[in-house]
C-alpha atoms as a PDB file:
ATOM      1  CA  MET A   1      -0.155   6.650   2.629  1.00  0.00           C
ATOM      2  CA  VAL A   2       1.088   5.534   6.013  1.00  0.00           C
ATOM      3  CA  PHE A   3       3.642   2.800   6.352  1.00  0.00           C
ATOM      4  CA  SER A   4       4.211   0.701   9.429  1.00  0.00           C
ATOM      5  CA  ARG A   5       6.444  -2.223  10.250  1.00  0.00           C
ATOM      6  CA  PHE A   6       4.766  -5.602   9.828  1.00  0.00           C
ATOM      7  CA  GLY A   7       7.040  -8.438  10.862  1.00  0.00           C
ATOM      8  CA  GLY A   8      10.100  -6.270  10.317  1.00  0.00           C
ATOM      9  CA  ILE A   9       9.145  -5.351   6.735  1.00  0.00           C
ATOM     10  CA  LEU A  10       7.729  -1.998   5.698  1.00  0.00           C
ATOM     11  CA  LEU A  11       4.399  -2.556   4.022  1.00  0.00           C
ATOM     12  CA  GLY A  12       1.902  -0.165   2.510  1.00  0.00           C
ATOM     13  CA  VAL A  13      -1.587   0.392   3.762  1.00  0.00           C
ATOM     14  CA  PHE A  14      -3.639  -2.712   3.058  1.00  0.00           C
ATOM     15  CA  LEU A  15      -7.259  -3.633   3.546  1.00  0.00           C
ATOM     16  CA  VAL A  16      -9.107  -6.904   3.390  1.00  0.00           C
ATOM     17  CA  GLN A  17     -12.586  -6.478   2.000  1.00  0.00           C
ATOM     18  CA  THR A  18     -14.791  -8.942   0.175  1.00  0.00           C
ATOM     19  CA  ILE A  19     -15.057  -8.118  -3.498  1.00  0.00           C
ATOM     20  CA  VAL A  20     -18.766  -8.046  -4.253  1.00  0.00           C
ATOM     21  CA  ALA A  21     -20.657  -8.403  -7.513  1.00  0.00           C
ATOM     22  CA  GLN A  22     -20.688  -4.689  -8.387  1.00  0.00           C
ATOM     23  CA  ASP A  23     -16.878  -4.473  -8.218  1.00  0.00           C
ATOM     24  CA  LYS A  24     -15.498  -4.663 -11.748  1.00  0.00           C
ATOM     25  CA  PRO A  25     -11.971  -5.148 -13.020  1.00  0.00           C
ATOM     26  CA  LEU A  26     -10.345  -1.832 -13.863  1.00  0.00           C
ATOM     27  CA  GLU A  27     -10.476  -1.536 -17.657  1.00  0.00           C
ATOM     28  CA  ASN A  28      -7.918   1.194 -18.309  1.00  0.00           C
ATOM     29  CA  LEU A  29      -5.690   3.632 -16.470  1.00  0.00           C
ATOM     30  CA  ASP A  30      -7.830   6.602 -17.505  1.00  0.00           C
ATOM     31  CA  GLN A  31     -10.268   5.454 -14.788  1.00  0.00           C
ATOM     32  CA  VAL A  32      -7.633   6.261 -12.156  1.00  0.00           C
ATOM     33  CA  ASP A  33      -6.088   9.325 -13.787  1.00  0.00           C
ATOM     34  CA  TRP A  34      -7.327  11.351 -10.781  1.00  0.00           C
ATOM     35  CA  LEU A  35      -4.590   9.625  -8.759  1.00  0.00           C
ATOM     36  CA  VAL A  36      -1.815  11.205 -10.866  1.00  0.00           C
ATOM     37  CA  GLY A  37      -0.005  13.977  -9.019  1.00  0.00           C
ATOM     38  CA  LYS A  38       1.687  14.622  -5.677  1.00  0.00           C
ATOM     39  CA  TRP A  39      -0.029  13.847  -2.372  1.00  0.00           C
ATOM     40  CA  ILE A  40       1.082  14.675   1.180  1.00  0.00           C
ATOM     41  CA  GLY A  41      -0.276  12.597   4.031  1.00  0.00           C
ATOM     42  CA  VAL A  42      -1.515  14.186   7.227  1.00  0.00           C
ATOM     43  CA  GLU A  43       1.128  13.785   9.962  1.00  0.00           C
ATOM     44  CA  GLU A  44       0.566  10.753  12.181  1.00  0.00           C
ATOM     45  CA  PRO A  45       2.620   9.036  14.872  1.00  0.00           C
ATOM     46  CA  MET A  46       4.908   6.328  13.500  1.00  0.00           C
ATOM     47  CA  GLU A  47       3.681   2.916  14.576  1.00  0.00           C
ATOM     48  CA  SER A  48       7.110   1.308  14.866  1.00  0.00           C
ATOM     49  CA  ASP A  49      10.828   2.083  14.880  1.00  0.00           C
ATOM     50  CA  ILE A  50      12.613   2.516  11.561  1.00  0.00           C
ATOM     51  CA  GLU A  51      16.352   2.154  11.993  1.00  0.00           C
ATOM     52  CA  GLY A  52      18.217   5.354  11.183  1.00  0.00           C
ATOM     53  CA  PHE A  53      14.994   7.318  10.690  1.00  0.00           C
ATOM     54  CA  GLY A  54      12.783   7.467  13.767  1.00  0.00           C
ATOM     55  CA  LYS A  55      11.034   5.720  16.616  1.00  0.00           C
ATOM     56  CA  ALA A  56       7.454   4.673  17.312  1.00  0.00           C
ATOM     57  CA  GLY A  57       5.471   7.754  18.315  1.00  0.00           C
ATOM     58  CA  ASP A  58       7.530  10.206  16.237  1.00  0.00           C
ATOM     59  CA  MET A  59       5.323  12.296  13.958  1.00  0.00           C
ATOM     60  CA  ALA A  60       5.787  11.570  10.239  1.00  0.00           C
ATOM     61  CA  SER A  61       3.915  11.900   6.966  1.00  0.00           C
ATOM     62  CA  MET A  62       3.935   9.905   3.738  1.00  0.00           C
ATOM     63  CA  HIS A  63       4.547  11.867   0.536  1.00  0.00           C
ATOM     64  CA  VAL A  64       3.328   9.985  -2.532  1.00  0.00           C
ATOM     65  CA  GLU A  65       3.688  10.827  -6.209  1.00  0.00           C
ATOM     66  CA  PHE A  66       1.942   9.084  -9.083  1.00  0.00           C
ATOM     67  CA  LYS A  67       2.809   9.881 -12.709  1.00  0.00           C
ATOM     68  CA  ARG A  68       2.044   8.500 -16.161  1.00  0.00           C
ATOM     69  CA  ILE A  69       5.129   7.024 -17.847  1.00  0.00           C
ATOM     70  CA  LEU A  70       6.100   5.194 -21.047  1.00  0.00           C
ATOM     71  CA  GLY A  71       3.740   7.141 -23.265  1.00  0.00           C
ATOM     72  CA  GLY A  72       0.983   7.057 -20.634  1.00  0.00           C
ATOM     73  CA  LYS A  73       0.735   3.262 -20.710  1.00  0.00           C
ATOM     74  CA  PHE A  74       1.742   2.913 -17.040  1.00  0.00           C
ATOM     75  CA  ILE A  75       1.329   4.766 -13.762  1.00  0.00           C
ATOM     76  CA  GLN A  76       4.429   4.854 -11.563  1.00  0.00           C
ATOM     77  CA  GLY A  77       4.085   5.488  -7.836  1.00  0.00           C
ATOM     78  CA  GLU A  78       6.737   6.391  -5.294  1.00  0.00           C
ATOM     79  CA  GLY A  79       6.379   6.839  -1.547  1.00  0.00           C
ATOM     80  CA  VAL A  80       8.752   8.778   0.688  1.00  0.00           C
ATOM     81  CA  LEU A  81       8.267   8.941   4.467  1.00  0.00           C
ATOM     82  CA  HIS A  82       9.091  12.385   5.965  1.00  0.00           C
ATOM     83  CA  ARG A  83       9.916  13.197   9.602  1.00  0.00           C
ATOM     84  CA  GLY A  84      11.060  16.786  10.074  1.00  0.00           C
ATOM     85  CA  GLU A  85      14.008  17.258   7.703  1.00  0.00           C
ATOM     86  CA  SER A  86      14.613  13.510   7.394  1.00  0.00           C
ATOM     87  CA  GLU A  87      13.165  11.303   4.680  1.00  0.00           C
ATOM     88  CA  VAL A  88      13.402   7.709   3.544  1.00  0.00           C
ATOM     89  CA  GLN A  89      12.114   6.197   0.316  1.00  0.00           C
ATOM     90  CA  VAL A  90       9.884   3.282   1.185  1.00  0.00           C
ATOM     91  CA  PHE A  91       8.243   2.050  -2.001  1.00  0.00           C
ATOM     92  CA  GLN A  92       8.041   2.017  -5.776  1.00  0.00           C
ATOM     93  CA  GLU A  93       5.044   0.681  -7.670  1.00  0.00           C
ATOM     94  CA  LEU A  94       3.872   0.297 -11.248  1.00  0.00           C
ATOM     95  CA  TRP A  95       0.278   0.067 -12.514  1.00  0.00           C
ATOM     96  CA  GLY A  96      -0.426  -1.149 -16.031  1.00  0.00           C
ATOM     97  CA  LEU A  97      -1.916  -3.674 -18.420  1.00  0.00           C
ATOM     98  CA  ASP A  98      -0.631  -7.239 -18.106  1.00  0.00           C
ATOM     99  CA  PRO A  99      -0.628  -8.581 -21.680  1.00  0.00           C
ATOM    100  CA  THR A 100      -1.011 -12.176 -20.474  1.00  0.00           C
ATOM    101  CA  ASP A 101      -4.538 -11.656 -19.088  1.00  0.00           C
ATOM    102  CA  ARG A 102      -5.433  -8.204 -20.518  1.00  0.00           C
ATOM    103  CA  LYS A 103      -6.161  -6.862 -16.998  1.00  0.00           C
ATOM    104  CA  ILE A 104      -4.774  -3.887 -15.071  1.00  0.00           C
ATOM    105  CA  HIS A 105      -2.319  -4.973 -12.378  1.00  0.00           C
ATOM    106  CA  GLN A 106      -0.004  -3.393  -9.845  1.00  0.00           C
ATOM    107  CA  TRP A 107       3.577  -4.456  -9.091  1.00  0.00           C
ATOM    108  CA  PHE A 108       4.927  -3.152  -5.766  1.00  0.00           C
ATOM    109  CA  TYR A 109       8.410  -3.177  -4.165  1.00  0.00           C
ATOM    110  CA  ASP A 110       9.410  -1.687  -0.823  1.00  0.00           C
ATOM    111  CA  SER A 111      12.731  -0.643   0.682  1.00  0.00           C
ATOM    112  CA  MET A 112      12.931  -3.742   2.884  1.00  0.00           C
ATOM    113  CA  GLY A 113      12.549  -6.191   0.003  1.00  0.00           C
ATOM    114  CA  SER A 114       8.845  -6.960   0.238  1.00  0.00           C
ATOM    115  CA  VAL A 115       7.163  -7.621  -3.116  1.00  0.00           C
ATOM    116  CA  TYR A 116       3.519  -7.974  -4.071  1.00  0.00           C
ATOM    117  CA  TYR A 117       1.350  -8.242  -7.137  1.00  0.00           C
ATOM    118  CA  GLY A 118      -2.172  -6.848  -7.317  1.00  0.00           C
ATOM    119  CA  LEU A 119      -5.251  -7.043  -9.539  1.00  0.00           C
ATOM    120  CA  LEU A 120      -7.164  -3.747  -9.706  1.00  0.00           C
ATOM    121  CA  TYR A 121     -10.951  -3.416  -9.391  1.00  0.00           C
ATOM    122  CA  HIS A 122     -13.275  -0.442  -8.993  1.00  0.00           C
ATOM    123  CA  ASP A 123     -16.773   0.116  -7.678  1.00  0.00           C
ATOM    124  CA  GLY A 124     -17.357   3.484  -9.328  1.00  0.00           C
ATOM    125  CA  LYS A 125     -15.947   5.428  -6.376  1.00  0.00           C
ATOM    126  CA  ARG A 126     -12.906   3.520  -5.133  1.00  0.00           C
ATOM    127  CA  VAL A 127     -10.032   1.518  -6.588  1.00  0.00           C
ATOM    128  CA  ILE A 128      -9.672  -1.863  -4.891  1.00  0.00           C
ATOM    129  CA  ASN A 129      -6.294  -3.534  -5.286  1.00  0.00           C
ATOM    130  CA  LYS A 130      -6.443  -7.279  -4.519  1.00  0.00           C
ATOM    131  CA  ILE A 131      -2.894  -8.114  -3.505  1.00  0.00           C
ATOM    132  CA  SER A 132      -0.741 -11.117  -2.752  1.00  0.00           C
ATOM    133  CA  GLY A 133       2.959 -11.348  -2.032  1.00  0.00           C
ATOM    134  CA  LYS A 134       5.811 -12.692   0.058  1.00  0.00           C
ATOM    135  CA  LEU A 135       7.766 -11.333   2.978  1.00  0.00           C
ATOM    136  CA  VAL A 136      10.532 -12.578   5.263  1.00  0.00           C
ATOM    137  CA  PRO A 137       9.319 -11.600   8.752  1.00  0.00           C
ATOM    138  CA  LEU A 138      11.933 -10.607  11.306  1.00  0.00           C
ATOM    139  CA  GLU A 139       9.785  -9.687  14.302  1.00  0.00           C
ATOM    140  CA  GLY A 140       6.231  -9.202  15.514  1.00  0.00           C
ATOM    141  CA  PRO A 141       3.064 -11.262  14.849  1.00  0.00           C
ATOM    142  CA  ALA A 142       4.157 -12.328  11.367  1.00  0.00           C
ATOM    143  CA  ALA A 143       7.474 -13.645  12.691  1.00  0.00           C
ATOM    144  CA  GLU A 144       5.676 -15.578  15.437  1.00  0.00           C
ATOM    145  CA  LEU A 145       3.329 -17.093  12.862  1.00  0.00           C
ATOM    146  CA  ALA A 146       6.206 -18.023  10.531  1.00  0.00           C
ATOM    147  CA  LYS A 147       8.110 -19.632  13.400  1.00  0.00           C
ATOM    148  CA  SER A 148       5.080 -21.662  14.510  1.00  0.00           C
ATOM    149  CA  LEU A 149       4.661 -22.924  10.926  1.00  0.00           C
ATOM    150  CA  GLY A 150       8.389 -23.560  10.444  1.00  0.00           C
ATOM    151  CA  LEU A 151       8.578 -21.085   7.537  1.00  0.00           C
ATOM    152  CA  LYS A 152      11.303 -18.589   6.596  1.00  0.00           C
ATOM    153  CA  GLU A 153       8.991 -16.582   4.368  1.00  0.00           C
ATOM    154  CA  ILE A 154       5.238 -16.216   4.409  1.00  0.00           C
ATOM    155  CA  GLN A 155       2.513 -15.488   1.889  1.00  0.00           C
ATOM    156  CA  TYR A 156       0.343 -12.491   2.650  1.00  0.00           C
ATOM    157  CA  SER A 157      -2.734 -11.048   1.003  1.00  0.00           C
ATOM    158  CA  GLY A 158      -5.264  -8.255   1.356  1.00  0.00           C
ATOM    159  CA  ASP A 159      -6.818  -5.324  -0.459  1.00  0.00           C
ATOM    160  CA  ALA A 160      -5.465  -1.779  -0.810  1.00  0.00           C
ATOM    161  CA  ILE A 161      -8.328   0.657  -1.365  1.00  0.00           C
ATOM    162  CA  TYR A 162      -7.833   4.162  -2.715  1.00  0.00           C
ATOM    163  CA  GLU A 163     -10.769   6.553  -2.417  1.00  0.00           C
ATOM    164  CA  GLN A 164     -11.032  10.041  -3.856  1.00  0.00           C
ATOM    165  CA  ARG A 165     -13.151  12.121  -1.457  1.00  0.00           C
ATOM    166  CA  ASP A 166     -12.911  15.234  -3.595  1.00  0.00           C
ATOM    167  CA  GLY A 167     -10.508  16.489  -6.223  1.00  0.00           C
ATOM    168  CA  ASN A 168      -7.859  17.196  -3.604  1.00  0.00           C
ATOM    169  CA  THR A 169      -8.272  14.440  -0.992  1.00  0.00           C
ATOM    170  CA  LEU A 170      -7.151  10.812  -1.157  1.00  0.00           C
ATOM    171  CA  VAL A 171      -8.212   8.476   1.679  1.00  0.00           C
ATOM    172  CA  ILE A 172      -6.812   5.019   2.399  1.00  0.00           C
ATOM    173  CA  VAL A 173      -8.145   2.825   5.219  1.00  0.00           C
ATOM    174  CA  LEU A 174      -6.473  -0.200   6.795  1.00  0.00           C
ATOM    175  CA  ARG A 175      -8.795  -2.977   7.932  1.00  0.00           C
ATOM    176  CA  ASN A 176      -6.909  -6.305   7.919  1.00  0.00           C
ATOM    177  CA  ILE A 177      -4.098  -8.296   6.373  1.00  0.00           C
ATOM    178  CA  ARG A 178      -3.656 -12.068   6.189  1.00  0.00           C
ATOM    179  CA  ALA A 179      -0.484 -14.097   6.499  1.00  0.00           C
ATOM    180  CA  GLU A 180      -0.623 -17.720   5.377  1.00  0.00           C
ATOM    181  CA  GLY A 181      -4.399 -17.279   5.220  1.00  0.00           C
ATOM    182  CA  GLN A 182      -4.686 -16.215   8.877  1.00  0.00           C
ATOM    183  CA  PRO A 183      -5.682 -12.740  10.084  1.00  0.00           C
ATOM    184  CA  VAL A 184      -2.708 -10.992  11.696  1.00  0.00           C
ATOM    185  CA  PRO A 185      -2.966  -7.936  14.006  1.00  0.00           C
ATOM    186  CA  TYR A 186      -1.895  -4.864  12.071  1.00  0.00           C
ATOM    187  CA  PRO A 187      -1.389  -1.348  13.485  1.00  0.00           C
ATOM    188  CA  GLY A 188      -3.685   1.384  12.214  1.00  0.00           C
ATOM    189  CA  ALA A 189      -6.665  -0.866  11.502  1.00  0.00           C
ATOM    190  CA  ASP A 190      -9.918   0.913  10.606  1.00  0.00           C
ATOM    191  CA  LYS A 191      -8.179   4.283  10.573  1.00  0.00           C
ATOM    192  CA  GLU A 192      -8.509   6.723   7.693  1.00  0.00           C
ATOM    193  CA  HIS A 193      -5.160   7.824   6.296  1.00  0.00           C
ATOM    194  CA  VAL A 194      -5.791  11.186   4.611  1.00  0.00           C
ATOM    195  CA  HIS A 195      -3.594  12.720   1.901  1.00  0.00           C
ATOM    196  CA  HIS A 196      -3.956  16.141   0.276  1.00  0.00           C
ATOM    197  CA  ARG A 197      -3.028  16.963  -3.288  1.00  0.00           C
ATOM    198  CA  VAL A 198      -0.069  19.310  -3.773  1.00  0.00           C
ATOM    199  CA  LYS A 199      -1.099  22.000  -6.255  1.00  0.00           C
END
């Protein structure tokens, strides 16, 4: 999973894709048990500077681990960005059943304070995470949008799609993200971010 700076906040890889009729709410975590394990992303150039870690253009890879916790009732995810011998933890997430609506959701927190909440769907091949959240943009397109609207924080939304290509390959593709309902340019759009399972 590749992370890049969006408005000064580190965000995960998000996609915006229309949920169509054949997409169904995820019914239980066993449907995504293939995700459990350690994954190492293929090295890619960083798309922005990260203070104390590296600069745009430096090669880095995202290491992600998913594990079942609390008696298997939840999946916990953690992402750590690696550049040479340096690393920085960039996110923690939790997937599980929300007892208020009996649906599988995701709760996500990143190292810069961004938070989002997602509802998980599947189409038989991919997991589609419909997300919404808040961020306080410091720079870039999101900051310009917030300033033009007179806002200190903005609502964003999109879809994060996880696709298993084979038993040892996880692919995530970034297509779009919306801030206050408007499309915002996002680095890495339409690019496949490939991760390989660590055996």
